[in-house]
Amino acid sequence: MTIESKYYLVKKRAVPEVLVKVLEVKRLLDLDKNLRITEAVQRCGLSRSSYYKYKDDILPFYDDLKGKTLTIAMQMLDKPGLLSELLHLVADFNANILTIHQSIPVNGVASISLSVEVLEETGNIDNMIRDIEDCSGIYDVKILARK
């Protein structure tokens, strides 16, 4: 079975270094409007040709996510207050919680599916996912959908 897709979602560790450097150049250019491309690529140890080759092909995960729905699945320990902590974390990033599905805990672990709407005022989604992954008692965090 062949799967044709225009876009892929991959973890940073699977992205070639050249693409990570392209993202860093783009970040530097966004931060300093007076910075020239030549200076930015030199700071990042990237050639201008590589930058121009890939600049339109890679975006940070959170770019173009405003107004979209993100569905996240995770495993959570059956611990009082942990779901509340998760919901507060999402609220701290100003994401609008649309749905929460929690299974009955089996062997002290529940499966959670959380759909959030990313608003204009929502903070950096990459940081939100990282904070969820770092939360004690929550593990196996996966992004299921982005609509």
N, C-alpha and C. Protein backbone atom coordinates (compact mmCIF):
# COMPACT_ATOMS: atom_id res chain seq x y z
N MET A 1 0.85 -1.18 0.00
CA MET A 1 0.00 0.00 0.00
C MET A 1 0.89 1.24 0.00
N THR A 2 0.67 2.12 -0.93
CA THR A 2 1.44 3.36 -1.04
C THR A 2 0.64 4.50 -0.44
N ILE A 3 1.31 5.27 0.43
CA ILE A 3 0.65 6.42 1.04
C ILE A 3 1.28 7.68 0.49
N GLU A 4 0.49 8.46 -0.22
CA GLU A 4 0.96 9.74 -0.75
C GLU A 4 0.45 10.84 0.17
N SER A 5 1.35 11.69 0.61
CA SER A 5 0.96 12.78 1.48
C SER A 5 1.79 14.00 1.13
N LYS A 6 1.18 15.15 1.23
CA LYS A 6 1.87 16.40 0.95
C LYS A 6 2.65 16.87 2.16
N TYR A 7 2.18 16.55 3.36
CA TYR A 7 2.81 17.01 4.59
C TYR A 7 3.01 15.83 5.55
N TYR A 8 4.03 15.98 6.39
CA TYR A 8 4.32 14.97 7.41
C TYR A 8 4.59 15.69 8.72
N LEU A 9 4.28 15.05 9.81
CA LEU A 9 4.60 15.57 11.13
C LEU A 9 5.65 14.63 11.72
N VAL A 10 6.85 15.15 11.96
CA VAL A 10 7.93 14.34 12.49
C VAL A 10 8.54 15.01 13.71
N LYS A 11 9.12 14.21 14.59
CA LYS A 11 9.81 14.76 15.75
C LYS A 11 11.14 15.36 15.31
N LYS A 12 11.62 16.33 16.08
CA LYS A 12 12.85 17.04 15.74
C LYS A 12 14.03 16.09 15.53
N ARG A 13 14.11 15.04 16.34
CA ARG A 13 15.26 14.14 16.23
C ARG A 13 15.33 13.43 14.88
N ALA A 14 14.21 13.39 14.14
CA ALA A 14 14.18 12.73 12.84
C ALA A 14 14.43 13.71 11.68
N VAL A 15 14.52 14.99 11.99
CA VAL A 15 14.70 16.01 10.96
C VAL A 15 16.20 16.20 10.69
N PRO A 16 16.61 16.18 9.42
CA PRO A 16 18.02 16.40 9.11
C PRO A 16 18.50 17.76 9.63
N GLU A 17 19.76 17.81 10.01
CA GLU A 17 20.33 19.03 10.60
C GLU A 17 20.18 20.24 9.70
N VAL A 18 20.28 20.06 8.40
CA VAL A 18 20.17 21.19 7.48
C VAL A 18 18.81 21.87 7.61
N LEU A 19 17.75 21.09 7.81
CA LEU A 19 16.41 21.66 7.95
C LEU A 19 16.24 22.39 9.28
N VAL A 20 16.85 21.86 10.33
CA VAL A 20 16.82 22.53 11.63
C VAL A 20 17.53 23.88 11.52
N LYS A 21 18.65 23.92 10.79
CA LYS A 21 19.38 25.17 10.60
C LYS A 21 18.56 26.18 9.78
N VAL A 22 17.81 25.69 8.80
CA VAL A 22 16.94 26.57 8.02
C VAL A 22 15.92 27.22 8.95
N LEU A 23 15.34 26.45 9.84
CA LEU A 23 14.39 27.01 10.81
C LEU A 23 15.05 28.06 11.69
N GLU A 24 16.28 27.80 12.11
CA GLU A 24 16.99 28.76 12.95
C GLU A 24 17.26 30.06 12.19
N VAL A 25 17.63 29.97 10.93
CA VAL A 25 17.83 31.16 10.11
C VAL A 25 16.53 31.95 10.02
N LYS A 26 15.43 31.26 9.77
CA LYS A 26 14.13 31.94 9.68
C LYS A 26 13.78 32.62 10.99
N ARG A 27 14.10 31.97 12.12
CA ARG A 27 13.81 32.56 13.43
C ARG A 27 14.64 33.83 13.62
N LEU A 28 15.92 33.77 13.28
CA LEU A 28 16.80 34.95 13.41
C LEU A 28 16.30 36.10 12.55
N LEU A 29 15.88 35.80 11.34
CA LEU A 29 15.38 36.84 10.44
C LEU A 29 14.08 37.46 10.95
N ASP A 30 13.25 36.64 11.60
CA ASP A 30 12.01 37.16 12.19
C ASP A 30 12.31 38.06 13.39
N LEU A 31 13.31 37.70 14.18
CA LEU A 31 13.66 38.47 15.38
C LEU A 31 14.32 39.80 15.05
N ASP A 32 15.12 39.83 14.01
CA ASP A 32 15.88 41.04 13.66
C ASP A 32 15.63 41.37 12.19
N LYS A 33 14.74 42.33 11.96
CA LYS A 33 14.36 42.70 10.59
C LYS A 33 15.51 43.35 9.83
N ASN A 34 16.55 43.81 10.54
CA ASN A 34 17.71 44.43 9.89
C ASN A 34 18.77 43.41 9.50
N LEU A 35 18.62 42.18 9.96
CA LEU A 35 19.60 41.13 9.68
C LEU A 35 19.47 40.68 8.22
N ARG A 36 20.59 40.58 7.55
CA ARG A 36 20.60 40.10 6.18
C ARG A 36 20.68 38.58 6.17
N ILE A 37 20.17 37.98 5.11
CA ILE A 37 20.17 36.53 4.99
C ILE A 37 21.59 35.99 5.06
N THR A 38 22.52 36.66 4.41
CA THR A 38 23.92 36.22 4.42
C THR A 38 24.45 36.12 5.85
N GLU A 39 24.14 37.12 6.67
CA GLU A 39 24.59 37.11 8.07
C GLU A 39 23.93 35.99 8.86
N ALA A 40 22.64 35.80 8.64
CA ALA A 40 21.90 34.78 9.39
C ALA A 40 22.40 33.38 9.07
N VAL A 41 22.64 33.08 7.78
CA VAL A 41 23.11 31.74 7.43
C VAL A 41 24.52 31.50 7.96
N GLN A 42 25.35 32.55 7.98
CA GLN A 42 26.71 32.41 8.52
C GLN A 42 26.65 32.09 10.01
N ARG A 43 25.77 32.76 10.75
CA ARG A 43 25.63 32.49 12.19
C ARG A 43 25.21 31.05 12.46
N CYS A 44 24.43 30.50 11.56
CA CYS A 44 23.90 29.14 11.76
C CYS A 44 24.75 28.07 11.11
N GLY A 45 25.79 28.46 10.39
CA GLY A 45 26.64 27.47 9.73
C GLY A 45 25.94 26.78 8.57
N LEU A 46 25.19 27.57 7.79
CA LEU A 46 24.41 27.04 6.68
C LEU A 46 24.77 27.81 5.42
N SER A 47 24.73 27.15 4.29
CA SER A 47 24.99 27.84 3.03
C SER A 47 23.72 28.57 2.58
N ARG A 48 23.92 29.65 1.82
CA ARG A 48 22.77 30.39 1.29
C ARG A 48 21.93 29.50 0.37
N SER A 49 22.62 28.67 -0.42
CA SER A 49 21.89 27.82 -1.37
C SER A 49 20.99 26.82 -0.63
N SER A 50 21.48 26.27 0.48
CA SER A 50 20.65 25.34 1.27
C SER A 50 19.45 26.07 1.86
N TYR A 51 19.70 27.27 2.34
CA TYR A 51 18.59 28.06 2.91
C TYR A 51 17.51 28.28 1.84
N TYR A 52 17.92 28.76 0.67
CA TYR A 52 16.94 29.04 -0.39
C TYR A 52 16.27 27.76 -0.91
N LYS A 53 17.00 26.67 -0.90
CA LYS A 53 16.44 25.41 -1.37
C LYS A 53 15.29 24.93 -0.48
N TYR A 54 15.44 25.11 0.86
CA TYR A 54 14.48 24.52 1.80
C TYR A 54 13.59 25.52 2.53
N LYS A 55 13.81 26.82 2.37
CA LYS A 55 13.12 27.81 3.21
C LYS A 55 11.59 27.73 3.13
N ASP A 56 11.06 27.33 2.01
CA ASP A 56 9.60 27.24 1.87
C ASP A 56 9.05 25.85 2.19
N ASP A 57 9.94 24.92 2.51
CA ASP A 57 9.53 23.54 2.72
C ASP A 57 9.42 23.12 4.18
N ILE A 58 9.86 23.97 5.11
CA ILE A 58 9.80 23.59 6.52
C ILE A 58 9.33 24.78 7.35
N LEU A 59 8.41 24.48 8.25
CA LEU A 59 7.87 25.46 9.18
C LEU A 59 7.87 24.86 10.57
N PRO A 60 8.01 25.68 11.61
CA PRO A 60 7.83 25.14 12.95
C PRO A 60 6.42 24.57 13.08
N PHE A 61 6.25 23.60 13.93
CA PHE A 61 4.96 22.93 14.09
C PHE A 61 3.83 23.89 14.36
N TYR A 62 4.06 24.91 15.17
CA TYR A 62 2.99 25.81 15.58
C TYR A 62 2.63 26.85 14.54
N ASP A 63 3.42 27.03 13.48
CA ASP A 63 3.07 27.99 12.44
C ASP A 63 1.79 27.55 11.74
N ASP A 64 0.98 28.51 11.39
CA ASP A 64 -0.25 28.27 10.65
C ASP A 64 -1.21 27.35 11.41
N LEU A 65 -1.16 27.35 12.73
CA LEU A 65 -2.04 26.50 13.51
C LEU A 65 -3.20 27.29 14.12
N LYS A 66 -3.12 28.62 14.10
CA LYS A 66 -4.18 29.45 14.68
C LYS A 66 -5.50 29.15 13.99
N GLY A 67 -6.55 28.98 14.79
CA GLY A 67 -7.87 28.68 14.26
C GLY A 67 -8.08 27.21 13.95
N LYS A 68 -7.10 26.38 14.25
CA LYS A 68 -7.20 24.95 13.97
C LYS A 68 -7.49 24.18 15.26
N THR A 69 -7.87 22.94 15.09
CA THR A 69 -8.10 22.04 16.23
C THR A 69 -6.98 21.02 16.27
N LEU A 70 -6.43 20.83 17.45
CA LEU A 70 -5.35 19.88 17.67
C LEU A 70 -5.87 18.80 18.62
N THR A 71 -5.73 17.54 18.24
CA THR A 71 -6.16 16.44 19.09
C THR A 71 -4.93 15.69 19.58
N ILE A 72 -4.84 15.58 20.91
CA ILE A 72 -3.67 14.98 21.56
C ILE A 72 -4.14 13.76 22.35
N ALA A 73 -3.40 12.66 22.23
CA ALA A 73 -3.68 11.46 23.02
C ALA A 73 -2.52 11.24 23.97
N MET A 74 -2.82 10.70 25.15
CA MET A 74 -1.78 10.44 26.14
C MET A 74 -2.26 9.40 27.14
N GLN A 75 -1.32 8.90 27.90
CA GLN A 75 -1.60 8.00 29.00
C GLN A 75 -1.38 8.80 30.29
N MET A 76 -2.24 8.56 31.28
CA MET A 76 -2.17 9.33 32.51
C MET A 76 -2.38 8.41 33.71
N LEU A 77 -1.53 8.59 34.71
CA LEU A 77 -1.70 7.83 35.94
C LEU A 77 -3.01 8.22 36.61
N ASP A 78 -3.64 7.26 37.27
CA ASP A 78 -4.88 7.52 38.01
C ASP A 78 -4.51 8.17 39.34
N LYS A 79 -4.28 9.46 39.31
CA LYS A 79 -3.81 10.22 40.46
C LYS A 79 -4.72 11.43 40.65
N PRO A 80 -5.28 11.61 41.83
CA PRO A 80 -6.17 12.76 42.07
C PRO A 80 -5.49 14.08 41.70
N GLY A 81 -6.21 14.90 40.95
CA GLY A 81 -5.72 16.23 40.59
C GLY A 81 -4.90 16.29 39.32
N LEU A 82 -4.50 15.15 38.76
CA LEU A 82 -3.64 15.16 37.58
C LEU A 82 -4.38 15.68 36.34
N LEU A 83 -5.62 15.29 36.16
CA LEU A 83 -6.40 15.80 35.03
C LEU A 83 -6.59 17.31 35.17
N SER A 84 -6.86 17.74 36.37
CA SER A 84 -7.01 19.18 36.62
C SER A 84 -5.72 19.93 36.29
N GLU A 85 -4.59 19.35 36.66
CA GLU A 85 -3.29 19.95 36.35
C GLU A 85 -3.09 20.06 34.84
N LEU A 86 -3.47 19.02 34.10
CA LEU A 86 -3.37 19.04 32.64
C LEU A 86 -4.24 20.15 32.05
N LEU A 87 -5.47 20.25 32.53
CA LEU A 87 -6.39 21.25 32.00
C LEU A 87 -5.92 22.67 32.32
N HIS A 88 -5.35 22.85 33.50
CA HIS A 88 -4.79 24.17 33.85
C HIS A 88 -3.60 24.51 32.95
N LEU A 89 -2.80 23.52 32.64
CA LEU A 89 -1.65 23.74 31.77
C LEU A 89 -2.12 24.21 30.40
N VAL A 90 -3.13 23.57 29.86
CA VAL A 90 -3.67 23.96 28.55
C VAL A 90 -4.27 25.37 28.65
N ALA A 91 -4.98 25.65 29.73
CA ALA A 91 -5.57 26.97 29.93
C ALA A 91 -4.50 28.05 30.06
N ASP A 92 -3.37 27.72 30.68
CA ASP A 92 -2.26 28.68 30.80
C ASP A 92 -1.72 29.11 29.44
N PHE A 93 -1.87 28.27 28.43
CA PHE A 93 -1.43 28.61 27.08
C PHE A 93 -2.56 29.26 26.27
N ASN A 94 -3.70 29.48 26.92
CA ASN A 94 -4.86 30.12 26.28
C ASN A 94 -5.41 29.34 25.10
N ALA A 95 -5.33 28.03 25.17
CA ALA A 95 -5.96 27.19 24.15
C ALA A 95 -7.35 26.84 24.66
N ASN A 96 -8.30 26.76 23.75
CA ASN A 96 -9.69 26.48 24.10
C ASN A 96 -9.94 24.97 24.07
N ILE A 97 -10.27 24.39 25.21
CA ILE A 97 -10.52 22.95 25.29
C ILE A 97 -11.90 22.65 24.69
N LEU A 98 -11.92 21.80 23.66
CA LEU A 98 -13.17 21.46 22.99
C LEU A 98 -13.76 20.16 23.52
N THR A 99 -12.92 19.11 23.62
CA THR A 99 -13.40 17.82 24.12
C THR A 99 -12.35 17.17 24.99
N ILE A 100 -12.84 16.38 25.94
CA ILE A 100 -11.98 15.55 26.78
C ILE A 100 -12.61 14.17 26.82
N HIS A 101 -11.84 13.16 26.46
CA HIS A 101 -12.31 11.78 26.58
C HIS A 101 -11.31 11.04 27.45
N GLN A 102 -11.82 10.46 28.53
CA GLN A 102 -10.95 9.71 29.44
C GLN A 102 -11.53 8.32 29.62
N SER A 103 -10.68 7.32 29.48
CA SER A 103 -11.12 5.95 29.70
C SER A 103 -11.15 5.66 31.20
N ILE A 104 -11.81 4.61 31.57
CA ILE A 104 -11.75 4.14 32.95
C ILE A 104 -10.35 3.60 33.18
N PRO A 105 -9.69 4.02 34.26
CA PRO A 105 -8.32 3.55 34.50
C PRO A 105 -8.24 2.03 34.63
N VAL A 106 -7.26 1.45 33.97
CA VAL A 106 -6.97 0.03 34.07
C VAL A 106 -5.54 -0.09 34.57
N ASN A 107 -5.37 -0.83 35.66
CA ASN A 107 -4.05 -0.97 36.29
C ASN A 107 -3.43 0.39 36.62
N GLY A 108 -4.30 1.33 37.03
CA GLY A 108 -3.81 2.63 37.47
C GLY A 108 -3.47 3.61 36.37
N VAL A 109 -3.84 3.29 35.11
CA VAL A 109 -3.53 4.17 33.98
C VAL A 109 -4.79 4.38 33.14
N ALA A 110 -5.04 5.65 32.79
CA ALA A 110 -6.17 6.01 31.94
C ALA A 110 -5.66 6.57 30.62
N SER A 111 -6.42 6.32 29.57
CA SER A 111 -6.12 6.93 28.27
C SER A 111 -6.93 8.21 28.16
N ILE A 112 -6.28 9.27 27.67
CA ILE A 112 -6.93 10.57 27.53
C ILE A 112 -6.81 11.02 26.08
N SER A 113 -7.88 11.57 25.56
CA SER A 113 -7.86 12.24 24.27
C SER A 113 -8.38 13.65 24.53
N LEU A 114 -7.61 14.62 24.09
CA LEU A 114 -7.92 16.02 24.37
C LEU A 114 -7.89 16.79 23.06
N SER A 115 -8.99 17.46 22.72
CA SER A 115 -9.02 18.31 21.53
C SER A 115 -9.06 19.76 21.97
N VAL A 116 -8.14 20.55 21.41
CA VAL A 116 -8.08 21.96 21.77
C VAL A 116 -8.11 22.81 20.51
N GLU A 117 -8.76 23.96 20.63
CA GLU A 117 -8.77 24.93 19.54
C GLU A 117 -7.64 25.91 19.80
N VAL A 118 -6.82 26.13 18.78
CA VAL A 118 -5.71 27.06 18.90
C VAL A 118 -6.21 28.42 18.46
N LEU A 119 -6.24 29.36 19.41
CA LEU A 119 -6.75 30.70 19.16
C LEU A 119 -5.62 31.66 18.81
N GLU A 120 -5.97 32.86 18.38
CA GLU A 120 -4.96 33.89 18.09
C GLU A 120 -4.08 34.17 19.30
N GLU A 121 -4.68 34.14 20.49
CA GLU A 121 -3.93 34.45 21.72
C GLU A 121 -3.25 33.23 22.35
N THR A 122 -3.40 32.08 21.72
CA THR A 122 -2.78 30.86 22.24
C THR A 122 -1.26 30.97 22.14
N GLY A 123 -0.58 30.55 23.20
CA GLY A 123 0.88 30.58 23.23
C GLY A 123 1.48 29.55 22.28
N ASN A 124 2.77 29.38 22.40
CA ASN A 124 3.53 28.47 21.54
C ASN A 124 3.09 27.02 21.80
N ILE A 125 2.48 26.40 20.80
CA ILE A 125 1.95 25.04 20.93
C ILE A 125 3.06 24.03 21.18
N ASP A 126 4.20 24.23 20.57
CA ASP A 126 5.34 23.35 20.80
C ASP A 126 5.70 23.32 22.28
N ASN A 127 5.72 24.49 22.91
CA ASN A 127 6.01 24.55 24.35
C ASN A 127 4.91 23.89 25.17
N MET A 128 3.66 24.04 24.75
CA MET A 128 2.56 23.41 25.47
C MET A 128 2.70 21.88 25.44
N ILE A 129 2.99 21.33 24.28
CA ILE A 129 3.17 19.87 24.16
C ILE A 129 4.35 19.43 25.01
N ARG A 130 5.43 20.18 24.98
CA ARG A 130 6.61 19.85 25.79
C ARG A 130 6.27 19.88 27.28
N ASP A 131 5.51 20.87 27.71
CA ASP A 131 5.12 20.95 29.12
C ASP A 131 4.22 19.78 29.52
N ILE A 132 3.34 19.36 28.61
CA ILE A 132 2.50 18.19 28.88
C ILE A 132 3.38 16.95 29.04
N GLU A 133 4.34 16.79 28.12
CA GLU A 133 5.25 15.63 28.19
C GLU A 133 6.07 15.64 29.47
N ASP A 134 6.40 16.83 29.98
CA ASP A 134 7.21 16.95 31.19
C ASP A 134 6.41 16.81 32.47
N CYS A 135 5.10 16.79 32.36
CA CYS A 135 4.23 16.70 33.53
C CYS A 135 4.33 15.30 34.15
N SER A 136 4.63 15.25 35.44
CA SER A 136 4.78 13.98 36.15
C SER A 136 3.45 13.22 36.17
N GLY A 137 3.48 12.00 35.69
CA GLY A 137 2.27 11.17 35.67
C GLY A 137 1.62 11.11 34.30
N ILE A 138 2.10 11.90 33.35
CA ILE A 138 1.58 11.88 31.98
C ILE A 138 2.70 11.39 31.07
N TYR A 139 2.38 10.43 30.22
CA TYR A 139 3.39 9.91 29.32
C TYR A 139 2.76 9.43 28.02
N ASP A 140 3.59 9.05 27.08
CA ASP A 140 3.16 8.57 25.77
C ASP A 140 2.25 9.59 25.08
N VAL A 141 2.69 10.85 25.05
CA VAL A 141 1.92 11.94 24.44
C VAL A 141 2.09 11.87 22.92
N LYS A 142 0.96 11.85 22.21
CA LYS A 142 0.99 11.78 20.75
C LYS A 142 -0.01 12.77 20.18
N ILE A 143 0.37 13.39 19.07
CA ILE A 143 -0.55 14.26 18.36
C ILE A 143 -1.30 13.39 17.35
N LEU A 144 -2.61 13.30 17.53
CA LEU A 144 -3.41 12.44 16.66
C LEU A 144 -3.88 13.15 15.40
N ALA A 145 -4.27 14.41 15.55
CA ALA A 145 -4.83 15.12 14.39
C ALA A 145 -4.61 16.61 14.53
N ARG A 146 -4.60 17.24 13.38
CA ARG A 146 -4.49 18.69 13.29
C ARG A 146 -5.43 19.09 12.16
N LYS A 147 -6.54 19.73 12.50
CA LYS A 147 -7.56 20.09 11.48
C LYS A 147 -7.76 21.58 11.44
